[in-house]
Amino acid sequence: MNFSLTAFQWPPFMTGLISMAVVLAFGLLAVRRVTAGVPSGMQSLMETMVETFQDLVGQMAPPALAPDLTLLSLTLFLLLVVANLIGLLPLPGIGTRWLHSPTAFLSIPAGLAVAMFILIQWAGIKYKGFGGWVYGWVMKPFPVVGLVVNALEQLVMPVSLAFRLFGNILAGELVLRMTTHAPQGIAGVLTVIGVGTLWLVFSLVISMIQALIFTILTVAYMSIQASSEH
């Protein structure tokens, strides 16, 4: 694995494109035959997810921000789920070689975290005005001192988002790779079937949880920035 933040890497670039294509295809298929009557399976699934995220965002975000955040959070969640799960798929016909999740490379979670950081600041400027956003940075909780406190808090945000996602997905992939390089024979087969299957299920759950955590924290941070009390 390459921990570089700047070097171009083909594996995360390609699997990142695949992740975006899968999410885009899912969205297009879900709205391809939208009907006011009995919805198809894809439409029903999409409507359920939209309603779920509407309720989730509505509990955290100010009313003015909630509509914008609903689609953003759903799109981000779907993208991260697909990106995290790609690393659990073996390459067909190439032995035990696997695809790599783009989120298992530090540059991808870091890039996403920086993008979310920019959106968080945008939410503060849009819903409080530039003057209110600057006031929140400099004057709260105390004049001038607040600038140092808020700067540390805001800079820790993308770092924690990036490393939490990266660390969990990378660890899951590494353990999964280890189980596929078990000794030959009955012991090896049993190890792959037993431990490998259990860890695959565990990694599946962790991948979805990490996608949800990243999304919820982004929504929470944007809601805090957009709040007039912050």
C-alpha atoms as a PDB file:
ATOM      1  CA  MET A   1       0.000   0.000   0.000  1.00  0.00           C
ATOM      2  CA  ASN A   2       1.169   3.536  -0.777  1.00  0.00           C
ATOM      3  CA  PHE A   3       0.625   6.135   1.949  1.00  0.00           C
ATOM      4  CA  SER A   4       1.507   9.081  -0.270  1.00  0.00           C
ATOM      5  CA  LEU A   5      -0.880  12.015  -0.405  1.00  0.00           C
ATOM      6  CA  THR A   6       0.462  13.415  -3.675  1.00  0.00           C
ATOM      7  CA  ALA A   7       1.805  10.554  -5.860  1.00  0.00           C
ATOM      8  CA  PHE A   8      -0.567   9.426  -8.608  1.00  0.00           C
ATOM      9  CA  GLN A   9      -1.714   5.835  -8.090  1.00  0.00           C
ATOM     10  CA  TRP A  10      -3.602   3.801 -10.675  1.00  0.00           C
ATOM     11  CA  PRO A  11      -5.456   1.348  -8.346  1.00  0.00           C
ATOM     12  CA  PRO A  12      -7.442   3.959  -6.368  1.00  0.00           C
ATOM     13  CA  PHE A  13      -7.961   6.039  -9.509  1.00  0.00           C
ATOM     14  CA  MET A  14      -9.532   3.144 -11.411  1.00  0.00           C
ATOM     15  CA  THR A  15     -11.599   1.746  -8.530  1.00  0.00           C
ATOM     16  CA  GLY A  16     -12.676   5.279  -7.668  1.00  0.00           C
ATOM     17  CA  LEU A  17     -14.012   5.723 -11.186  1.00  0.00           C
ATOM     18  CA  ILE A  18     -15.740   2.348 -10.948  1.00  0.00           C
ATOM     19  CA  SER A  19     -17.346   3.372  -7.640  1.00  0.00           C
ATOM     20  CA  MET A  20     -18.697   6.586  -9.133  1.00  0.00           C
ATOM     21  CA  ALA A  21     -19.960   4.733 -12.202  1.00  0.00           C
ATOM     22  CA  VAL A  22     -21.799   2.180 -10.042  1.00  0.00           C
ATOM     23  CA  VAL A  23     -23.505   4.893  -7.980  1.00  0.00           C
ATOM     24  CA  LEU A  24     -24.431   6.849 -11.117  1.00  0.00           C
ATOM     25  CA  ALA A  25     -25.824   3.727 -12.795  1.00  0.00           C
ATOM     26  CA  PHE A  26     -27.849   2.882  -9.692  1.00  0.00           C
ATOM     27  CA  GLY A  27     -29.325   6.372  -9.601  1.00  0.00           C
ATOM     28  CA  LEU A  28     -30.204   6.344 -13.286  1.00  0.00           C
ATOM     29  CA  LEU A  29     -31.809   2.916 -13.061  1.00  0.00           C
ATOM     30  CA  ALA A  30     -33.799   3.933  -9.990  1.00  0.00           C
ATOM     31  CA  VAL A  31     -35.364   6.958 -11.733  1.00  0.00           C
ATOM     32  CA  ARG A  32     -35.582   5.454 -15.214  1.00  0.00           C
ATOM     33  CA  ARG A  33     -39.215   4.468 -14.862  1.00  0.00           C
ATOM     34  CA  VAL A  34     -40.494   6.597 -12.016  1.00  0.00           C
ATOM     35  CA  THR A  35     -44.195   6.142 -11.432  1.00  0.00           C
ATOM     36  CA  ALA A  36     -46.741   7.567  -9.027  1.00  0.00           C
ATOM     37  CA  GLY A  37     -48.325   4.143  -8.786  1.00  0.00           C
ATOM     38  CA  VAL A  38     -46.757   0.950  -7.516  1.00  0.00           C
ATOM     39  CA  PRO A  39     -42.991   1.578  -7.659  1.00  0.00           C
ATOM     40  CA  SER A  40     -40.488  -0.914  -9.033  1.00  0.00           C
ATOM     41  CA  GLY A  41     -37.951  -2.554  -6.758  1.00  0.00           C
ATOM     42  CA  MET A  42     -35.202  -0.053  -7.620  1.00  0.00           C
ATOM     43  CA  GLN A  43     -37.511   2.943  -7.230  1.00  0.00           C
ATOM     44  CA  SER A  44     -38.831   1.612  -3.929  1.00  0.00           C
ATOM     45  CA  LEU A  45     -35.290   1.116  -2.628  1.00  0.00           C
ATOM     46  CA  MET A  46     -34.257   4.626  -3.665  1.00  0.00           C
ATOM     47  CA  GLU A  47     -37.381   6.177  -2.107  1.00  0.00           C
ATOM     48  CA  THR A  48     -36.704   4.312   1.138  1.00  0.00           C
ATOM     49  CA  MET A  49     -33.112   5.555   1.253  1.00  0.00           C
ATOM     50  CA  VAL A  50     -34.130   9.139   0.479  1.00  0.00           C
ATOM     51  CA  GLU A  51     -36.762   9.087   3.233  1.00  0.00           C
ATOM     52  CA  THR A  52     -34.279   7.557   5.672  1.00  0.00           C
ATOM     53  CA  PHE A  53     -31.710  10.258   5.023  1.00  0.00           C
ATOM     54  CA  GLN A  54     -34.371  12.958   5.137  1.00  0.00           C
ATOM     55  CA  ASP A  55     -35.265  11.840   8.650  1.00  0.00           C
ATOM     56  CA  LEU A  56     -31.609  11.483   9.641  1.00  0.00           C
ATOM     57  CA  VAL A  57     -30.570  14.894   8.324  1.00  0.00           C
ATOM     58  CA  GLY A  58     -33.735  16.541   9.616  1.00  0.00           C
ATOM     59  CA  GLN A  59     -32.784  15.589  13.176  1.00  0.00           C
ATOM     60  CA  MET A  60     -29.390  17.307  12.945  1.00  0.00           C
ATOM     61  CA  ALA A  61     -29.472  20.096  10.359  1.00  0.00           C
ATOM     62  CA  PRO A  62     -31.216  23.490  10.457  1.00  0.00           C
ATOM     63  CA  PRO A  63     -34.421  23.471   8.363  1.00  0.00           C
ATOM     64  CA  ALA A  64     -32.885  25.725   5.705  1.00  0.00           C
ATOM     65  CA  LEU A  65     -29.925  23.389   5.215  1.00  0.00           C
ATOM     66  CA  ALA A  66     -31.707  20.022   5.448  1.00  0.00           C
ATOM     67  CA  PRO A  67     -32.901  19.762   1.793  1.00  0.00           C
ATOM     68  CA  ASP A  68     -29.402  20.427   0.436  1.00  0.00           C
ATOM     69  CA  LEU A  69     -27.802  18.024   2.881  1.00  0.00           C
ATOM     70  CA  THR A  70     -30.181  15.138   2.223  1.00  0.00           C
ATOM     71  CA  LEU A  71     -29.049  14.458  -1.349  1.00  0.00           C
ATOM     72  CA  LEU A  72     -25.418  15.223  -0.516  1.00  0.00           C
ATOM     73  CA  SER A  73     -25.377  12.795   2.404  1.00  0.00           C
ATOM     74  CA  LEU A  74     -27.147  10.035   0.455  1.00  0.00           C
ATOM     75  CA  THR A  75     -24.765  10.393  -2.496  1.00  0.00           C
ATOM     76  CA  LEU A  76     -21.720  10.438  -0.216  1.00  0.00           C
ATOM     77  CA  PHE A  77     -22.949   7.382   1.677  1.00  0.00           C
ATOM     78  CA  LEU A  78     -23.597   5.357  -1.483  1.00  0.00           C
ATOM     79  CA  LEU A  79     -20.226   6.318  -2.946  1.00  0.00           C
ATOM     80  CA  LEU A  80     -18.374   5.306   0.209  1.00  0.00           C
ATOM     81  CA  VAL A  81     -20.270   2.024   0.542  1.00  0.00           C
ATOM     82  CA  VAL A  82     -19.376   1.005  -3.007  1.00  0.00           C
ATOM     83  CA  ALA A  83     -15.781   2.231  -2.646  1.00  0.00           C
ATOM     84  CA  ASN A  84     -15.309   0.359   0.637  1.00  0.00           C
ATOM     85  CA  LEU A  85     -16.827  -2.872  -0.664  1.00  0.00           C
ATOM     86  CA  ILE A  86     -14.807  -3.025  -3.887  1.00  0.00           C
ATOM     87  CA  GLY A  87     -11.797  -4.245  -1.918  1.00  0.00           C
ATOM     88  CA  LEU A  88     -13.755  -7.317  -0.838  1.00  0.00           C
ATOM     89  CA  LEU A  89     -14.090  -8.548  -4.435  1.00  0.00           C
ATOM     90  CA  PRO A  90     -11.511 -10.960  -5.912  1.00  0.00           C
ATOM     91  CA  LEU A  91     -10.180 -10.424  -9.410  1.00  0.00           C
ATOM     92  CA  PRO A  92     -11.704 -13.193 -11.570  1.00  0.00           C
ATOM     93  CA  GLY A  93      -9.259 -15.772 -12.849  1.00  0.00           C
ATOM     94  CA  ILE A  94      -6.206 -14.304 -11.106  1.00  0.00           C
ATOM     95  CA  GLY A  95      -5.821 -16.587  -8.119  1.00  0.00           C
ATOM     96  CA  THR A  96      -5.950 -14.740  -4.809  1.00  0.00           C
ATOM     97  CA  ARG A  97      -5.363 -11.244  -6.184  1.00  0.00           C
ATOM     98  CA  TRP A  98      -8.026  -8.764  -5.159  1.00  0.00           C
ATOM     99  CA  LEU A  99      -9.293  -5.385  -6.166  1.00  0.00           C
ATOM    100  CA  HIS A 100      -8.261  -2.530  -3.885  1.00  0.00           C
ATOM    101  CA  SER A 101     -10.741  -0.166  -2.287  1.00  0.00           C
ATOM    102  CA  PRO A 102      -9.892   3.433  -3.202  1.00  0.00           C
ATOM    103  CA  THR A 103     -10.520   4.307   0.457  1.00  0.00           C
ATOM    104  CA  ALA A 104      -7.677   1.958   1.472  1.00  0.00           C
ATOM    105  CA  PHE A 105      -5.261   4.508  -0.031  1.00  0.00           C
ATOM    106  CA  LEU A 106      -4.722   7.533   2.197  1.00  0.00           C
ATOM    107  CA  SER A 107      -4.938  10.020  -0.683  1.00  0.00           C
ATOM    108  CA  ILE A 108      -8.611   9.211  -1.389  1.00  0.00           C
ATOM    109  CA  PRO A 109     -10.023   9.594   2.166  1.00  0.00           C
ATOM    110  CA  ALA A 110      -7.821  12.678   2.577  1.00  0.00           C
ATOM    111  CA  GLY A 111      -9.174  14.185  -0.640  1.00  0.00           C
ATOM    112  CA  LEU A 112     -12.750  13.464   0.398  1.00  0.00           C
ATOM    113  CA  ALA A 113     -12.122  14.933   3.835  1.00  0.00           C
ATOM    114  CA  VAL A 114     -10.695  18.133   2.332  1.00  0.00           C
ATOM    115  CA  ALA A 115     -13.701  18.402  -0.003  1.00  0.00           C
ATOM    116  CA  MET A 116     -16.046  17.980   2.980  1.00  0.00           C
ATOM    117  CA  PHE A 117     -14.047  20.589   4.929  1.00  0.00           C
ATOM    118  CA  ILE A 118     -14.609  23.082   2.102  1.00  0.00           C
ATOM    119  CA  LEU A 119     -18.340  22.279   2.026  1.00  0.00           C
ATOM    120  CA  ILE A 120     -18.529  22.700   5.799  1.00  0.00           C
ATOM    121  CA  GLN A 121     -17.065  26.190   5.534  1.00  0.00           C
ATOM    122  CA  TRP A 122     -19.378  26.931   2.591  1.00  0.00           C
ATOM    123  CA  ALA A 123     -22.366  26.026   4.766  1.00  0.00           C
ATOM    124  CA  GLY A 124     -21.225  28.495   7.406  1.00  0.00           C
ATOM    125  CA  ILE A 125     -20.784  31.293   4.861  1.00  0.00           C
ATOM    126  CA  LYS A 126     -24.044  30.612   3.031  1.00  0.00           C
ATOM    127  CA  TYR A 127     -26.316  30.393   6.058  1.00  0.00           C
ATOM    128  CA  LYS A 128     -24.613  32.901   8.400  1.00  0.00           C
ATOM    129  CA  GLY A 129     -23.114  35.284   5.867  1.00  0.00           C
ATOM    130  CA  PHE A 130     -19.410  35.954   5.471  1.00  0.00           C
ATOM    131  CA  GLY A 131     -19.382  38.324   8.433  1.00  0.00           C
ATOM    132  CA  GLY A 132     -21.178  35.817  10.659  1.00  0.00           C
ATOM    133  CA  TRP A 133     -18.807  33.052   9.561  1.00  0.00           C
ATOM    134  CA  VAL A 134     -15.742  35.158  10.392  1.00  0.00           C
ATOM    135  CA  TYR A 135     -17.307  36.206  13.695  1.00  0.00           C
ATOM    136  CA  GLY A 136     -17.855  32.555  14.611  1.00  0.00           C
ATOM    137  CA  TRP A 137     -14.212  31.762  13.841  1.00  0.00           C
ATOM    138  CA  VAL A 138     -12.675  34.712  15.715  1.00  0.00           C
ATOM    139  CA  MET A 139     -15.036  35.647  18.546  1.00  0.00           C
ATOM    140  CA  LYS A 140     -16.485  32.369  19.834  1.00  0.00           C
ATOM    141  CA  PRO A 141     -16.205  31.104  22.506  1.00  0.00           C
ATOM    142  CA  PHE A 142     -13.903  34.007  23.433  1.00  0.00           C
ATOM    143  CA  PRO A 143     -12.592  36.937  21.361  1.00  0.00           C
ATOM    144  CA  VAL A 144      -9.305  36.263  19.509  1.00  0.00           C
ATOM    145  CA  VAL A 145      -8.647  33.125  21.573  1.00  0.00           C
ATOM    146  CA  GLY A 146     -11.563  31.629  19.689  1.00  0.00           C
ATOM    147  CA  LEU A 147      -9.559  31.832  16.462  1.00  0.00           C
ATOM    148  CA  VAL A 148      -6.922  29.451  17.833  1.00  0.00           C
ATOM    149  CA  VAL A 149      -9.514  27.109  19.334  1.00  0.00           C
ATOM    150  CA  ASN A 150     -11.658  27.051  16.201  1.00  0.00           C
ATOM    151  CA  ALA A 151      -8.664  26.642  13.894  1.00  0.00           C
ATOM    152  CA  LEU A 152      -7.525  23.567  15.818  1.00  0.00           C
ATOM    153  CA  GLU A 153     -11.059  22.175  15.900  1.00  0.00           C
ATOM    154  CA  GLN A 154     -11.656  22.748  12.194  1.00  0.00           C
ATOM    155  CA  LEU A 155      -8.285  21.324  11.125  1.00  0.00           C
ATOM    156  CA  VAL A 156      -8.723  18.213  13.259  1.00  0.00           C
ATOM    157  CA  MET A 157     -12.024  17.567  11.480  1.00  0.00           C
ATOM    158  CA  PRO A 158     -10.684  16.471   8.054  1.00  0.00           C
ATOM    159  CA  VAL A 159      -7.741  14.645   9.648  1.00  0.00           C
ATOM    160  CA  SER A 160     -10.020  12.553  11.856  1.00  0.00           C
ATOM    161  CA  LEU A 161     -12.441  11.876   8.995  1.00  0.00           C
ATOM    162  CA  ALA A 162      -9.654  10.750   6.668  1.00  0.00           C
ATOM    163  CA  PHE A 163      -7.686   8.550   9.064  1.00  0.00           C
ATOM    164  CA  ARG A 164     -10.745   6.875  10.588  1.00  0.00           C
ATOM    165  CA  LEU A 165     -12.001   5.785   7.174  1.00  0.00           C
ATOM    166  CA  PHE A 166      -8.568   4.905   5.806  1.00  0.00           C
ATOM    167  CA  GLY A 167      -7.442   2.920   8.856  1.00  0.00           C
ATOM    168  CA  ASN A 168     -10.552   0.768   9.119  1.00  0.00           C
ATOM    169  CA  ILE A 169     -10.768  -0.089   5.417  1.00  0.00           C
ATOM    170  CA  LEU A 170      -7.031  -0.766   5.086  1.00  0.00           C
ATOM    171  CA  ALA A 171      -7.016  -3.026   8.148  1.00  0.00           C
ATOM    172  CA  GLY A 172      -9.972  -5.007   6.838  1.00  0.00           C
ATOM    173  CA  GLU A 173      -8.316  -5.526   3.459  1.00  0.00           C
ATOM    174  CA  LEU A 174      -4.979  -6.583   4.942  1.00  0.00           C
ATOM    175  CA  VAL A 175      -6.537  -9.223   7.179  1.00  0.00           C
ATOM    176  CA  LEU A 176      -8.663 -10.496   4.300  1.00  0.00           C
ATOM    177  CA  ARG A 177      -5.554 -10.843   2.118  1.00  0.00           C
ATOM    178  CA  MET A 178      -3.803 -12.778   4.888  1.00  0.00           C
ATOM    179  CA  THR A 179      -6.593 -15.328   5.085  1.00  0.00           C
ATOM    180  CA  THR A 180      -6.298 -16.037   1.350  1.00  0.00           C
ATOM    181  CA  HIS A 181      -2.603 -16.867   1.680  1.00  0.00           C
ATOM    182  CA  ALA A 182      -3.159 -19.713   4.114  1.00  0.00           C
ATOM    183  CA  PRO A 183      -1.073 -22.922   3.950  1.00  0.00           C
ATOM    184  CA  GLN A 184      -2.061 -25.497   1.352  1.00  0.00           C
ATOM    185  CA  GLY A 185      -4.061 -28.597   2.214  1.00  0.00           C
ATOM    186  CA  ILE A 186      -7.077 -29.194   4.422  1.00  0.00           C
ATOM    187  CA  ALA A 187      -5.923 -26.729   7.062  1.00  0.00           C
ATOM    188  CA  GLY A 188      -5.570 -23.999   4.466  1.00  0.00           C
ATOM    189  CA  VAL A 189      -8.970 -24.695   2.949  1.00  0.00           C
ATOM    190  CA  LEU A 190     -10.645 -24.692   6.355  1.00  0.00           C
ATOM    191  CA  THR A 191      -8.904 -21.450   7.265  1.00  0.00           C
ATOM    192  CA  VAL A 192     -10.048 -19.740   4.087  1.00  0.00           C
ATOM    193  CA  ILE A 193     -13.610 -21.037   4.390  1.00  0.00           C
ATOM    194  CA  GLY A 194     -13.946 -20.414   8.124  1.00  0.00           C
ATOM    195  CA  VAL A 195     -11.858 -17.415   9.099  1.00  0.00           C
ATOM    196  CA  GLY A 196     -12.005 -15.874   5.635  1.00  0.00           C
ATOM    197  CA  THR A 197     -15.793 -16.032   5.441  1.00  0.00           C
ATOM    198  CA  LEU A 198     -16.248 -14.649   8.950  1.00  0.00           C
ATOM    199  CA  TRP A 199     -13.855 -11.800   8.286  1.00  0.00           C
ATOM    200  CA  LEU A 200     -15.526 -11.085   4.950  1.00  0.00           C
ATOM    201  CA  VAL A 201     -18.874 -10.669   6.691  1.00  0.00           C
ATOM    202  CA  PHE A 202     -17.256  -8.555   9.407  1.00  0.00           C
ATOM    203  CA  SER A 203     -15.538  -6.375   6.791  1.00  0.00           C
ATOM    204  CA  LEU A 204     -18.850  -5.964   4.966  1.00  0.00           C
ATOM    205  CA  VAL A 205     -20.489  -4.614   8.123  1.00  0.00           C
ATOM    206  CA  ILE A 206     -17.509  -2.396   8.983  1.00  0.00           C
ATOM    207  CA  SER A 207     -17.417  -0.969   5.459  1.00  0.00           C
ATOM    208  CA  MET A 208     -21.045   0.138   5.702  1.00  0.00           C
ATOM    209  CA  ILE A 209     -20.625   1.465   9.242  1.00  0.00           C
ATOM    210  CA  GLN A 210     -17.575   3.518   8.253  1.00  0.00           C
ATOM    211  CA  ALA A 211     -19.452   4.976   5.276  1.00  0.00           C
ATOM    212  CA  LEU A 212     -22.310   5.941   7.594  1.00  0.00           C
ATOM    213  CA  ILE A 213     -19.967   7.429  10.220  1.00  0.00           C
ATOM    214  CA  PHE A 214     -18.151   9.563   7.625  1.00  0.00           C
ATOM    215  CA  THR A 215     -21.492  10.772   6.274  1.00  0.00           C
ATOM    216  CA  ILE A 216     -23.075  11.500   9.661  1.00  0.00           C
ATOM    217  CA  LEU A 217     -20.017  13.403  10.889  1.00  0.00           C
ATOM    218  CA  THR A 218     -20.000  15.492   7.718  1.00  0.00           C
ATOM    219  CA  VAL A 219     -23.684  16.315   8.197  1.00  0.00           C
ATOM    220  CA  ALA A 220     -23.087  17.130  11.868  1.00  0.00           C
ATOM    221  CA  TYR A 221     -20.131  19.414  11.125  1.00  0.00           C
ATOM    222  CA  MET A 222     -22.031  21.229   8.360  1.00  0.00           C
ATOM    223  CA  SER A 223     -25.056  21.634  10.632  1.00  0.00           C
ATOM    224  CA  ILE A 224     -22.891  23.119  13.387  1.00  0.00           C
ATOM    225  CA  GLN A 225     -21.296  25.564  10.976  1.00  0.00           C
ATOM    226  CA  ALA A 226     -24.667  26.617   9.577  1.00  0.00           C
ATOM    227  CA  SER A 227     -26.182  27.089  13.025  1.00  0.00           C
ATOM    228  CA  SER A 228     -26.508  30.691  14.164  1.00  0.00           C
ATOM    229  CA  GLU A 229     -25.527  29.615  17.683  1.00  0.00           C
ATOM    230  CA  HIS A 230     -22.059  28.455  16.580  1.00  0.00           C
END
